[in-house]
Amino acid sequence: MDLASLTAAAVALSAFMACAWWIQRITGNAGWIDTIWTFSLGAVAVILTLTQERVSHRQIMAAAFAGIWSVRLGLHLFTRTLHITDDPRYRDLMEQWGPRAGSRLFWFLQSQAAVSILLAGSIVVAAQNPAPFLRPLDLLAALVFSVGLIGGGLADLQLRRFKSRPENRGRICDRGLWRWSRHPNYFFEWMCWLSYPLLAMDGTGAYPLGYVAFLAPVCMYWLLAHVSGIPPLETHLMRTRGGLFAVYRARTSAFFPWPPRR
C-alpha cells in the first residue's frame, strides 16, 4: 500500500464523514452517521485491498470479509434508521455539547474517519501477507469471521423481535444472547475484526508488518467500548430505563459474553 493510495483513502473517508455530518444537520437524524460510516469504510477497504499489485487469494478473502461485514451491518443500520427519528447516543452528546454541538460533532466524526484509516490499512496489511494461502490460520480467520457475522446478525434479530412486541415497551432485553452480554451485537462485530490479525500472522517472522493488523480489533474495541458505542448508549439507558437497567447492568457482562451473576 503506497502513500498515494493511503492519502486518497484518508481524503475519501474524511469526505464521507463530512457528508454524514451534513445529512445529520439537514435531517436531524443521527442514525445516518453510522450507516454512512459502515458503507464508506467497507467500500474504501475493499477498493484498497483489490487495487494492489498481483491480487492474491488472501486479498480476495480479506476484501470479501470487509465487503460482507459492511453490507450486513450497513443494511441493518439503514433499515433501523428509516424507522427512528434520531439516534439517542449522538443526540445526548450534542445536548451535552450545547451551542457548539454542530462544530464538535463535525470534528468528532473526522476523528472517526482518522481511526477508519487504521482499520482499512490493517485489512490491506493482512491481505498482503505473502505466506502460502489457505494455511490453518486462514481457515481459523474464516471461522472467526463467520461466527462474528452470524452472532451479530442473531443479536440484532433478537433485539428487533423483542422491541416489536408491545408488552416489552419500556423493558430491557435480557433474553438470548442479551442474557450473556449487555452488548452482544458489539461483541460479535468486534469479533469479525479479529479475523484480520489471523490472516496477517506469520510465525516464521517473514512478515513482521503483519503485526500492524492487530490495530483493527484494538481500534474497534476502543470505539465500541469507550467512545461511540457503550458509554453514550448506557448513559441513555440509565436515564430512560433507570432501575431496570441498573439491575440488568449489575448482573450482566458489558461486552464479553459471560454467565449472568445472580
C-alpha atoms as a PDB file:
ATOM      1  CA  MET A   1       0.000   0.000   0.000  1.00  0.00           C
ATOM      2  CA  ASP A   2       1.694   3.180  -1.187  1.00  0.00           C
ATOM      3  CA  LEU A   3       1.401   6.675   0.260  1.00  0.00           C
ATOM      4  CA  ALA A   4      -0.770   7.904  -2.619  1.00  0.00           C
ATOM      5  CA  SER A   5      -3.365   5.181  -2.039  1.00  0.00           C
ATOM      6  CA  LEU A   6      -3.379   5.823   1.702  1.00  0.00           C
ATOM      7  CA  THR A   7      -3.798   9.563   1.159  1.00  0.00           C
ATOM      8  CA  ALA A   8      -6.672   9.028  -1.280  1.00  0.00           C
ATOM      9  CA  ALA A   9      -8.375   6.708   1.202  1.00  0.00           C
ATOM     10  CA  ALA A  10      -7.948   9.265   4.001  1.00  0.00           C
ATOM     11  CA  VAL A  11      -9.463  12.031   1.876  1.00  0.00           C
ATOM     12  CA  ALA A  12     -12.367   9.788   0.845  1.00  0.00           C
ATOM     13  CA  LEU A  13     -13.191   8.750   4.420  1.00  0.00           C
ATOM     14  CA  SER A  14     -12.934  12.357   5.611  1.00  0.00           C
ATOM     15  CA  ALA A  15     -15.322  13.426   2.839  1.00  0.00           C
ATOM     16  CA  PHE A  16     -17.779  10.631   3.645  1.00  0.00           C
ATOM     17  CA  MET A  17     -17.903  11.640   7.304  1.00  0.00           C
ATOM     18  CA  ALA A  18     -18.331  15.294   6.301  1.00  0.00           C
ATOM     19  CA  CYS A  19     -21.334  14.165   4.241  1.00  0.00           C
ATOM     20  CA  ALA A  20     -22.640  12.203   7.238  1.00  0.00           C
ATOM     21  CA  TRP A  21     -22.379  15.387   9.341  1.00  0.00           C
ATOM     22  CA  TRP A  22     -24.224  17.405   6.685  1.00  0.00           C
ATOM     23  CA  ILE A  23     -27.000  14.806   6.338  1.00  0.00           C
ATOM     24  CA  GLN A  24     -27.456  14.755  10.112  1.00  0.00           C
ATOM     25  CA  ARG A  25     -27.757  18.527  10.088  1.00  0.00           C
ATOM     26  CA  ILE A  26     -30.469  18.629   7.429  1.00  0.00           C
ATOM     27  CA  THR A  27     -32.468  15.579   8.591  1.00  0.00           C
ATOM     28  CA  GLY A  28     -31.975  15.813  12.352  1.00  0.00           C
ATOM     29  CA  ASN A  29     -31.475  12.045  12.364  1.00  0.00           C
ATOM     30  CA  ALA A  30     -28.019  10.996  13.593  1.00  0.00           C
ATOM     31  CA  GLY A  31     -28.780   7.385  12.699  1.00  0.00           C
ATOM     32  CA  TRP A  32     -27.429   8.122   9.219  1.00  0.00           C
ATOM     33  CA  ILE A  33     -23.960   8.731  10.657  1.00  0.00           C
ATOM     34  CA  ASP A  34     -23.196   5.106  11.491  1.00  0.00           C
ATOM     35  CA  THR A  35     -24.919   3.916   8.311  1.00  0.00           C
ATOM     36  CA  ILE A  36     -22.674   6.084   6.133  1.00  0.00           C
ATOM     37  CA  TRP A  37     -19.582   5.212   8.175  1.00  0.00           C
ATOM     38  CA  THR A  38     -20.170   1.480   7.763  1.00  0.00           C
ATOM     39  CA  PHE A  39     -20.720   1.578   3.999  1.00  0.00           C
ATOM     40  CA  SER A  40     -17.854   4.020   3.412  1.00  0.00           C
ATOM     41  CA  LEU A  41     -15.331   2.056   5.470  1.00  0.00           C
ATOM     42  CA  GLY A  42     -16.304  -1.175   3.720  1.00  0.00           C
ATOM     43  CA  ALA A  43     -16.052   0.399   0.267  1.00  0.00           C
ATOM     44  CA  VAL A  44     -12.672   2.026   0.943  1.00  0.00           C
ATOM     45  CA  ALA A  45     -11.247  -1.166   2.454  1.00  0.00           C
ATOM     46  CA  VAL A  46     -12.403  -3.308  -0.479  1.00  0.00           C
ATOM     47  CA  ILE A  47     -11.026  -0.870  -3.071  1.00  0.00           C
ATOM     48  CA  LEU A  48      -7.691  -0.513  -1.262  1.00  0.00           C
ATOM     49  CA  THR A  49      -7.332  -4.262  -0.925  1.00  0.00           C
ATOM     50  CA  LEU A  50      -8.145  -5.141  -4.521  1.00  0.00           C
ATOM     51  CA  THR A  51      -6.222  -2.349  -6.262  1.00  0.00           C
ATOM     52  CA  GLN A  52      -2.827  -3.516  -5.069  1.00  0.00           C
ATOM     53  CA  GLU A  53      -0.493  -5.274  -7.491  1.00  0.00           C
ATOM     54  CA  ARG A  54      -0.855  -9.014  -8.075  1.00  0.00           C
ATOM     55  CA  VAL A  55      -4.188  -9.615  -6.375  1.00  0.00           C
ATOM     56  CA  SER A  56      -3.893 -12.849  -4.399  1.00  0.00           C
ATOM     57  CA  HIS A  57      -6.416 -15.272  -2.941  1.00  0.00           C
ATOM     58  CA  ARG A  58      -5.774 -13.816   0.507  1.00  0.00           C
ATOM     59  CA  GLN A  59      -6.514 -10.316  -0.778  1.00  0.00           C
ATOM     60  CA  ILE A  60      -9.801 -11.582  -2.202  1.00  0.00           C
ATOM     61  CA  MET A  61     -10.635 -13.218   1.144  1.00  0.00           C
ATOM     62  CA  ALA A  62      -9.831 -10.046   3.101  1.00  0.00           C
ATOM     63  CA  ALA A  63     -11.852  -7.907   0.677  1.00  0.00           C
ATOM     64  CA  ALA A  64     -14.756 -10.345   0.954  1.00  0.00           C
ATOM     65  CA  PHE A  65     -14.662 -10.113   4.750  1.00  0.00           C
ATOM     66  CA  ALA A  66     -14.744  -6.296   4.602  1.00  0.00           C
ATOM     67  CA  GLY A  67     -17.487  -6.184   1.983  1.00  0.00           C
ATOM     68  CA  ILE A  68     -19.746  -8.737   3.680  1.00  0.00           C
ATOM     69  CA  TRP A  69     -19.316  -7.068   7.074  1.00  0.00           C
ATOM     70  CA  SER A  70     -20.143  -3.671   5.583  1.00  0.00           C
ATOM     71  CA  VAL A  71     -23.228  -4.821   3.673  1.00  0.00           C
ATOM     72  CA  ARG A  72     -24.669  -6.840   6.583  1.00  0.00           C
ATOM     73  CA  LEU A  73     -24.215  -4.132   9.207  1.00  0.00           C
ATOM     74  CA  GLY A  74     -24.904  -1.254   6.827  1.00  0.00           C
ATOM     75  CA  LEU A  75     -28.252  -2.670   5.711  1.00  0.00           C
ATOM     76  CA  HIS A  76     -29.237  -3.308   9.324  1.00  0.00           C
ATOM     77  CA  LEU A  77     -28.391   0.283  10.271  1.00  0.00           C
ATOM     78  CA  PHE A  78     -30.097   1.654   7.158  1.00  0.00           C
ATOM     79  CA  THR A  79     -33.331  -0.208   7.959  1.00  0.00           C
ATOM     80  CA  ARG A  80     -33.210   0.846  11.594  1.00  0.00           C
ATOM     81  CA  THR A  81     -32.580   4.486  10.721  1.00  0.00           C
ATOM     82  CA  LEU A  82     -35.622   4.563   8.452  1.00  0.00           C
ATOM     83  CA  HIS A  83     -37.797   3.782  11.485  1.00  0.00           C
ATOM     84  CA  ILE A  84     -36.320   6.188  14.038  1.00  0.00           C
ATOM     85  CA  THR A  85     -36.283   9.963  14.308  1.00  0.00           C
ATOM     86  CA  ASP A  86     -32.811  10.214  15.870  1.00  0.00           C
ATOM     87  CA  ASP A  87     -30.000   8.164  17.443  1.00  0.00           C
ATOM     88  CA  PRO A  88     -30.098   8.781  21.220  1.00  0.00           C
ATOM     89  CA  ARG A  89     -26.326   8.308  21.585  1.00  0.00           C
ATOM     90  CA  TYR A  90     -25.489  11.237  19.315  1.00  0.00           C
ATOM     91  CA  ARG A  91     -28.462  13.296  20.475  1.00  0.00           C
ATOM     92  CA  ASP A  92     -27.320  13.076  24.101  1.00  0.00           C
ATOM     93  CA  LEU A  93     -23.755  14.000  23.133  1.00  0.00           C
ATOM     94  CA  MET A  94     -24.972  17.040  21.250  1.00  0.00           C
ATOM     95  CA  GLU A  95     -27.120  18.125  24.196  1.00  0.00           C
ATOM     96  CA  GLN A  96     -24.051  17.903  26.424  1.00  0.00           C
ATOM     97  CA  TRP A  97     -22.002  19.928  23.934  1.00  0.00           C
ATOM     98  CA  GLY A  98     -24.512  22.770  23.946  1.00  0.00           C
ATOM     99  CA  PRO A  99     -24.276  25.701  21.496  1.00  0.00           C
ATOM    100  CA  ARG A 100     -21.134  24.326  19.850  1.00  0.00           C
ATOM    101  CA  ALA A 101     -22.690  20.923  19.180  1.00  0.00           C
ATOM    102  CA  GLY A 102     -22.584  21.309  15.393  1.00  0.00           C
ATOM    103  CA  SER A 103     -18.862  22.028  15.150  1.00  0.00           C
ATOM    104  CA  ARG A 104     -17.934  19.498  17.832  1.00  0.00           C
ATOM    105  CA  LEU A 105     -19.893  16.778  16.053  1.00  0.00           C
ATOM    106  CA  PHE A 106     -18.072  17.593  12.816  1.00  0.00           C
ATOM    107  CA  TRP A 107     -14.647  17.104  14.397  1.00  0.00           C
ATOM    108  CA  PHE A 108     -15.838  14.066  16.333  1.00  0.00           C
ATOM    109  CA  LEU A 109     -16.781  12.431  13.019  1.00  0.00           C
ATOM    110  CA  GLN A 110     -13.467  13.459  11.495  1.00  0.00           C
ATOM    111  CA  SER A 111     -11.710  11.650  14.341  1.00  0.00           C
ATOM    112  CA  GLN A 112     -13.737   8.569  13.418  1.00  0.00           C
ATOM    113  CA  ALA A 113     -12.533   8.967   9.841  1.00  0.00           C
ATOM    114  CA  ALA A 114      -8.936   9.016  11.094  1.00  0.00           C
ATOM    115  CA  VAL A 115      -9.455   5.783  13.029  1.00  0.00           C
ATOM    116  CA  SER A 116     -11.076   4.309   9.923  1.00  0.00           C
ATOM    117  CA  ILE A 117      -7.786   4.750   8.057  1.00  0.00           C
ATOM    118  CA  LEU A 118      -6.134   2.488  10.620  1.00  0.00           C
ATOM    119  CA  LEU A 119      -8.921  -0.054  10.202  1.00  0.00           C
ATOM    120  CA  ALA A 120      -8.772  -0.062   6.405  1.00  0.00           C
ATOM    121  CA  GLY A 121      -4.974  -0.118   6.452  1.00  0.00           C
ATOM    122  CA  SER A 122      -4.996  -3.112   8.795  1.00  0.00           C
ATOM    123  CA  ILE A 123      -7.146  -5.014   6.314  1.00  0.00           C
ATOM    124  CA  VAL A 124      -4.734  -4.255   3.474  1.00  0.00           C
ATOM    125  CA  VAL A 125      -1.739  -5.305   5.575  1.00  0.00           C
ATOM    126  CA  ALA A 126      -3.443  -8.605   6.421  1.00  0.00           C
ATOM    127  CA  ALA A 127      -4.352  -9.160   2.774  1.00  0.00           C
ATOM    128  CA  GLN A 128      -0.770  -8.723   1.619  1.00  0.00           C
ATOM    129  CA  ASN A 129       0.702 -11.458   3.800  1.00  0.00           C
ATOM    130  CA  PRO A 130       2.944 -13.367   1.327  1.00  0.00           C
ATOM    131  CA  ALA A 131       2.627 -16.707   3.138  1.00  0.00           C
ATOM    132  CA  PRO A 132       1.116 -19.621   1.156  1.00  0.00           C
ATOM    133  CA  PHE A 133      -2.668 -19.343   1.054  1.00  0.00           C
ATOM    134  CA  LEU A 134      -5.139 -21.473   2.983  1.00  0.00           C
ATOM    135  CA  ARG A 135      -2.994 -22.176   5.990  1.00  0.00           C
ATOM    136  CA  PRO A 136      -4.731 -23.290   9.207  1.00  0.00           C
ATOM    137  CA  LEU A 137      -4.654 -19.617  10.290  1.00  0.00           C
ATOM    138  CA  ASP A 138      -6.560 -18.618   7.134  1.00  0.00           C
ATOM    139  CA  LEU A 139      -9.210 -21.233   7.888  1.00  0.00           C
ATOM    140  CA  LEU A 140      -9.375 -20.057  11.506  1.00  0.00           C
ATOM    141  CA  ALA A 141      -9.809 -16.471  10.270  1.00  0.00           C
ATOM    142  CA  ALA A 142     -12.750 -17.576   8.130  1.00  0.00           C
ATOM    143  CA  LEU A 143     -14.286 -19.394  11.108  1.00  0.00           C
ATOM    144  CA  VAL A 144     -13.865 -16.417  13.455  1.00  0.00           C
ATOM    145  CA  PHE A 145     -15.316 -14.028  10.880  1.00  0.00           C
ATOM    146  CA  SER A 146     -18.296 -16.334  10.244  1.00  0.00           C
ATOM    147  CA  VAL A 147     -19.073 -16.661  13.952  1.00  0.00           C
ATOM    148  CA  GLY A 148     -18.863 -12.886  14.359  1.00  0.00           C
ATOM    149  CA  LEU A 149     -21.079 -12.253  11.347  1.00  0.00           C
ATOM    150  CA  ILE A 150     -23.732 -14.789  12.354  1.00  0.00           C
ATOM    151  CA  GLY A 151     -23.617 -13.818  16.020  1.00  0.00           C
ATOM    152  CA  GLY A 152     -24.032 -10.129  15.224  1.00  0.00           C
ATOM    153  CA  GLY A 153     -26.965 -10.829  12.937  1.00  0.00           C
ATOM    154  CA  LEU A 154     -28.609 -13.053  15.561  1.00  0.00           C
ATOM    155  CA  ALA A 155     -28.154 -10.455  18.317  1.00  0.00           C
ATOM    156  CA  ASP A 156     -29.725  -7.756  16.124  1.00  0.00           C
ATOM    157  CA  LEU A 157     -32.627 -10.075  15.227  1.00  0.00           C
ATOM    158  CA  GLN A 158     -33.289 -10.983  18.875  1.00  0.00           C
ATOM    159  CA  LEU A 159     -33.349  -7.330  19.908  1.00  0.00           C
ATOM    160  CA  ARG A 160     -35.576  -6.360  16.979  1.00  0.00           C
ATOM    161  CA  ARG A 161     -38.099  -9.100  17.823  1.00  0.00           C
ATOM    162  CA  PHE A 162     -38.065  -8.126  21.489  1.00  0.00           C
ATOM    163  CA  LYS A 163     -38.776  -4.474  20.704  1.00  0.00           C
ATOM    164  CA  SER A 164     -41.538  -5.365  18.234  1.00  0.00           C
ATOM    165  CA  ARG A 165     -43.759  -6.794  20.990  1.00  0.00           C
ATOM    166  CA  PRO A 166     -45.958  -4.175  22.684  1.00  0.00           C
ATOM    167  CA  GLU A 167     -45.676  -5.868  26.084  1.00  0.00           C
ATOM    168  CA  ASN A 168     -41.920  -5.227  26.074  1.00  0.00           C
ATOM    169  CA  ARG A 169     -42.210  -1.447  25.739  1.00  0.00           C
ATOM    170  CA  GLY A 170     -40.009   0.206  28.346  1.00  0.00           C
ATOM    171  CA  ARG A 171     -38.333  -3.070  29.308  1.00  0.00           C
ATOM    172  CA  ILE A 172     -34.742  -4.299  28.921  1.00  0.00           C
ATOM    173  CA  CYS A 173     -33.976  -7.157  26.529  1.00  0.00           C
ATOM    174  CA  ASP A 174     -32.262  -9.836  28.626  1.00  0.00           C
ATOM    175  CA  ARG A 175     -33.026 -12.878  26.509  1.00  0.00           C
ATOM    176  CA  GLY A 176     -30.962 -14.995  24.169  1.00  0.00           C
ATOM    177  CA  LEU A 177     -27.510 -13.543  23.592  1.00  0.00           C
ATOM    178  CA  TRP A 178     -28.531 -10.444  25.550  1.00  0.00           C
ATOM    179  CA  ARG A 179     -28.626 -12.567  28.712  1.00  0.00           C
ATOM    180  CA  TRP A 180     -24.882 -13.150  28.419  1.00  0.00           C
ATOM    181  CA  SER A 181     -23.769  -9.668  27.380  1.00  0.00           C
ATOM    182  CA  ARG A 182     -25.311  -6.207  27.564  1.00  0.00           C
ATOM    183  CA  HIS A 183     -23.985  -5.562  24.051  1.00  0.00           C
ATOM    184  CA  PRO A 184     -23.617  -8.865  22.178  1.00  0.00           C
ATOM    185  CA  ASN A 185     -24.043  -7.064  18.849  1.00  0.00           C
ATOM    186  CA  TYR A 186     -20.938  -5.014  19.606  1.00  0.00           C
ATOM    187  CA  PHE A 187     -19.005  -8.072  20.783  1.00  0.00           C
ATOM    188  CA  PHE A 188     -19.693 -10.041  17.595  1.00  0.00           C
ATOM    189  CA  GLU A 189     -18.949  -7.024  15.418  1.00  0.00           C
ATOM    190  CA  TRP A 190     -15.582  -6.768  17.166  1.00  0.00           C
ATOM    191  CA  MET A 191     -15.058 -10.491  16.645  1.00  0.00           C
ATOM    192  CA  CYS A 192     -15.246 -10.015  12.866  1.00  0.00           C
ATOM    193  CA  TRP A 193     -12.216  -7.723  13.125  1.00  0.00           C
ATOM    194  CA  LEU A 194     -10.204 -10.420  14.894  1.00  0.00           C
ATOM    195  CA  SER A 195     -10.054 -12.276  11.591  1.00  0.00           C
ATOM    196  CA  TYR A 196      -7.545  -9.827  10.089  1.00  0.00           C
ATOM    197  CA  PRO A 197      -4.667 -10.453  12.531  1.00  0.00           C
ATOM    198  CA  LEU A 198      -5.174 -14.165  11.874  1.00  0.00           C
ATOM    199  CA  LEU A 199      -4.766 -13.575   8.139  1.00  0.00           C
ATOM    200  CA  ALA A 200      -1.701 -11.432   8.801  1.00  0.00           C
ATOM    201  CA  MET A 201       0.112 -13.606  11.335  1.00  0.00           C
ATOM    202  CA  ASP A 202       3.268 -15.382  10.223  1.00  0.00           C
ATOM    203  CA  GLY A 203       5.039 -17.409  12.891  1.00  0.00           C
ATOM    204  CA  THR A 204       8.202 -17.576  10.805  1.00  0.00           C
ATOM    205  CA  GLY A 205       8.892 -13.865  11.186  1.00  0.00           C
ATOM    206  CA  ALA A 206       8.982 -13.398   7.410  1.00  0.00           C
ATOM    207  CA  TYR A 207       6.207 -10.798   7.502  1.00  0.00           C
ATOM    208  CA  PRO A 208       6.721  -8.531  10.550  1.00  0.00           C
ATOM    209  CA  LEU A 209       4.458  -5.873   9.000  1.00  0.00           C
ATOM    210  CA  GLY A 210       1.580  -8.253   9.694  1.00  0.00           C
ATOM    211  CA  TYR A 211       1.539  -7.202  13.338  1.00  0.00           C
ATOM    212  CA  VAL A 212       0.030  -3.900  12.182  1.00  0.00           C
ATOM    213  CA  ALA A 213      -3.219  -5.812  11.575  1.00  0.00           C
ATOM    214  CA  PHE A 214      -3.710  -6.067  15.341  1.00  0.00           C
ATOM    215  CA  LEU A 215      -4.688  -2.395  15.166  1.00  0.00           C
ATOM    216  CA  ALA A 216      -8.021  -3.484  13.659  1.00  0.00           C
ATOM    217  CA  PRO A 217      -9.508  -5.245  16.717  1.00  0.00           C
ATOM    218  CA  VAL A 218      -7.764  -2.838  19.111  1.00  0.00           C
ATOM    219  CA  CYS A 219      -9.239   0.247  17.415  1.00  0.00           C
ATOM    220  CA  MET A 220     -12.672  -1.332  17.032  1.00  0.00           C
ATOM    221  CA  TYR A 221     -12.768  -2.356  20.692  1.00  0.00           C
ATOM    222  CA  TRP A 222     -11.770   1.175  21.691  1.00  0.00           C
ATOM    223  CA  LEU A 223     -14.528   2.698  19.556  1.00  0.00           C
ATOM    224  CA  LEU A 224     -17.239   0.291  20.718  1.00  0.00           C
ATOM    225  CA  ALA A 225     -16.342   0.020  24.405  1.00  0.00           C
ATOM    226  CA  HIS A 226     -15.035   3.509  25.162  1.00  0.00           C
ATOM    227  CA  VAL A 227     -16.101   6.077  22.551  1.00  0.00           C
ATOM    228  CA  SER A 228     -19.229   5.907  20.379  1.00  0.00           C
ATOM    229  CA  GLY A 229     -20.707   2.577  21.470  1.00  0.00           C
ATOM    230  CA  ILE A 230     -21.278   1.514  25.071  1.00  0.00           C
ATOM    231  CA  PRO A 231     -20.727   4.771  27.053  1.00  0.00           C
ATOM    232  CA  PRO A 232     -23.301   7.019  25.313  1.00  0.00           C
ATOM    233  CA  LEU A 233     -25.794   4.174  24.882  1.00  0.00           C
ATOM    234  CA  GLU A 234     -25.674   3.164  28.544  1.00  0.00           C
ATOM    235  CA  THR A 235     -25.959   6.781  29.648  1.00  0.00           C
ATOM    236  CA  HIS A 236     -29.172   6.954  27.620  1.00  0.00           C
ATOM    237  CA  LEU A 237     -30.465   3.664  29.057  1.00  0.00           C
ATOM    238  CA  MET A 238     -29.786   4.747  32.626  1.00  0.00           C
ATOM    239  CA  ARG A 239     -31.801   7.902  32.025  1.00  0.00           C
ATOM    240  CA  THR A 240     -34.719   6.191  30.254  1.00  0.00           C
ATOM    241  CA  ARG A 241     -34.822   2.760  31.962  1.00  0.00           C
ATOM    242  CA  GLY A 242     -33.447   3.696  35.372  1.00  0.00           C
ATOM    243  CA  GLY A 243     -33.720   0.890  37.906  1.00  0.00           C
ATOM    244  CA  LEU A 244     -34.446  -1.785  35.308  1.00  0.00           C
ATOM    245  CA  PHE A 245     -31.193  -1.114  33.517  1.00  0.00           C
ATOM    246  CA  ALA A 246     -29.270  -0.802  36.797  1.00  0.00           C
ATOM    247  CA  VAL A 247     -30.350  -4.328  37.771  1.00  0.00           C
ATOM    248  CA  TYR A 248     -29.503  -5.650  34.298  1.00  0.00           C
ATOM    249  CA  ARG A 249     -26.094  -3.948  34.363  1.00  0.00           C
ATOM    250  CA  ALA A 250     -25.286  -5.360  37.802  1.00  0.00           C
ATOM    251  CA  ARG A 251     -25.762  -8.965  36.702  1.00  0.00           C
ATOM    252  CA  THR A 252     -24.700  -8.899  33.038  1.00  0.00           C
ATOM    253  CA  SER A 253     -21.250  -8.553  31.459  1.00  0.00           C
ATOM    254  CA  ALA A 254     -20.828  -5.323  29.493  1.00  0.00           C
ATOM    255  CA  PHE A 255     -19.052  -6.672  26.425  1.00  0.00           C
ATOM    256  CA  PHE A 256     -17.619 -10.181  26.557  1.00  0.00           C
ATOM    257  CA  PRO A 257     -20.326 -12.865  26.935  1.00  0.00           C
ATOM    258  CA  TRP A 258     -20.320 -14.408  30.408  1.00  0.00           C
ATOM    259  CA  PRO A 259     -22.838 -16.285  32.579  1.00  0.00           C
ATOM    260  CA  PRO A 260     -25.027 -13.722  34.361  1.00  0.00           C
ATOM    261  CA  ARG A 261     -24.338 -13.014  38.013  1.00  0.00           C
ATOM    262  CA  ARG A 262     -27.047 -13.953  40.471  1.00  0.00           C
END
